[in-house]
């Protein structure tokens, strides 16, 4: 049998990060992750969105610091205030919505 080399396909991670450059997609991704209620999953999702913004050269130093702080908070399971808020809103018939700012979504 002949040794055939096939081109390697892009990884799922590369595809995901590329898709998260779209602000609407990224907002939906974050929103669904928030609904899951898992701090580790939210930390991973936010890392993916941050990676997408870095690829677009669209991440300020301040945003990097906020992400680092959020990441540390989410890794400390005692800090689950965001999920307490989501649960309370859910019980009261509301939900937390994540959507792009008008200026961001219209410029992309």
Protein backbone atom coordinates (compact mmCIF):
# COMPACT_ATOMS: atom_id res chain seq x y z
CA UNK A 1 0.00 0.00 0.00
CA UNK A 2 1.24 3.43 -0.89
CA UNK A 3 2.08 5.83 1.96
CA UNK A 4 -0.33 8.73 1.47
CA UNK A 5 0.01 11.91 3.44
CA UNK A 6 -3.19 13.81 4.00
CA UNK A 7 -3.25 17.43 5.01
CA UNK A 8 -3.99 17.98 8.65
CA UNK A 9 -7.30 19.64 9.32
CA UNK A 10 -7.75 22.64 11.54
CA UNK A 11 -8.37 21.75 15.13
CA UNK A 12 -11.76 22.30 16.71
CA UNK A 13 -10.19 24.85 19.05
CA UNK A 14 -8.93 26.89 16.09
CA UNK A 15 -12.39 26.73 14.52
CA UNK A 16 -14.04 27.73 17.81
CA UNK A 17 -11.74 30.70 18.40
CA UNK A 18 -12.22 31.83 14.80
CA UNK A 19 -16.02 31.64 15.18
CA UNK A 20 -15.88 33.63 18.42
CA UNK A 21 -14.54 36.63 16.53
CA UNK A 22 -18.19 37.22 15.63
CA UNK A 23 -19.63 39.28 18.50
CA UNK A 24 -23.13 37.77 18.22
CA UNK A 25 -21.73 34.24 18.33
CA UNK A 26 -19.45 35.07 21.25
CA UNK A 27 -22.34 36.63 23.20
CA UNK A 28 -24.51 33.54 22.68
CA UNK A 29 -21.59 31.29 23.68
CA UNK A 30 -21.08 33.20 26.94
CA UNK A 31 -24.82 33.30 27.65
CA UNK A 32 -25.26 29.54 27.23
CA UNK A 33 -22.19 28.90 29.36
CA UNK A 34 -23.60 31.10 32.14
CA UNK A 35 -26.81 29.06 32.08
CA UNK A 36 -24.82 25.86 32.68
CA UNK A 37 -23.80 27.06 36.14
CA UNK A 38 -20.28 25.62 36.08
CA UNK A 39 -17.48 28.05 37.02
CA UNK A 40 -14.82 25.93 35.30
CA UNK A 41 -16.83 25.89 32.09
CA UNK A 42 -17.38 29.66 32.25
CA UNK A 43 -13.66 30.16 32.83
CA UNK A 44 -12.87 28.03 29.78
CA UNK A 45 -15.45 29.83 27.64
CA UNK A 46 -14.21 33.26 28.64
CA UNK A 47 -10.66 32.14 27.86
CA UNK A 48 -11.81 31.14 24.38
CA UNK A 49 -13.50 34.52 23.82
CA UNK A 50 -10.39 36.32 25.09
CA UNK A 51 -8.27 34.27 22.66
CA UNK A 52 -10.54 35.33 19.79
CA UNK A 53 -10.19 39.00 20.75
CA UNK A 54 -6.43 38.61 21.02
CA UNK A 55 -6.32 37.19 17.49
CA UNK A 56 -8.19 40.28 16.30
CA UNK A 57 -5.78 42.53 18.24
CA UNK A 58 -8.88 43.75 20.03
CA UNK A 59 -8.05 43.17 23.69
CA UNK A 60 -6.91 46.03 25.89
CA UNK A 61 -4.50 45.61 28.77
CA UNK A 62 -7.37 46.47 31.11
CA UNK A 63 -9.49 43.67 29.61
CA UNK A 64 -6.59 41.24 30.11
CA UNK A 65 -6.41 42.21 33.78
CA UNK A 66 -10.17 41.81 34.20
CA UNK A 67 -9.98 38.36 32.61
CA UNK A 68 -7.13 37.31 34.91
CA UNK A 69 -9.13 38.47 37.94
CA UNK A 70 -12.27 36.69 36.73
CA UNK A 71 -10.33 33.53 36.03
CA UNK A 72 -8.91 33.47 39.55
CA UNK A 73 -12.35 34.14 41.01
CA UNK A 74 -13.97 31.34 39.02
CA UNK A 75 -11.27 28.87 40.04
CA UNK A 76 -12.07 29.65 43.69
CA UNK A 77 -15.38 27.81 44.10
CA UNK A 78 -16.37 29.97 47.06
CA UNK A 79 -16.90 32.89 44.68
CA UNK A 80 -20.02 31.82 42.83
CA UNK A 81 -21.93 35.10 43.13
CA UNK A 82 -22.66 35.22 39.40
CA UNK A 83 -24.45 31.87 39.62
CA UNK A 84 -26.40 32.96 42.67
CA UNK A 85 -27.59 35.96 40.65
CA UNK A 86 -28.47 33.75 37.66
CA UNK A 87 -30.41 31.34 39.91
CA UNK A 88 -32.30 34.16 41.63
CA UNK A 89 -33.21 35.78 38.31
CA UNK A 90 -34.37 32.41 36.99
CA UNK A 91 -36.61 31.78 40.00
CA UNK A 92 -38.15 35.23 39.56
CA UNK A 93 -38.86 34.64 35.87
CA UNK A 94 -35.92 36.56 34.45
CA UNK A 95 -32.69 35.65 32.73
CA UNK A 96 -29.34 37.27 32.30
CA UNK A 97 -28.66 38.19 28.68
CA UNK A 98 -25.29 38.77 27.08
CA UNK A 99 -25.23 40.71 23.84
CA UNK A 100 -22.72 42.86 22.00
CA UNK A 101 -22.72 46.61 22.36
CA UNK A 102 -24.42 48.27 19.40
CA UNK A 103 -21.19 49.90 18.23
CA UNK A 104 -19.33 46.56 18.33
CA UNK A 105 -21.92 44.46 16.50
CA UNK A 106 -22.57 47.05 13.81
CA UNK A 107 -18.87 47.50 13.06
CA UNK A 108 -18.19 43.79 12.55
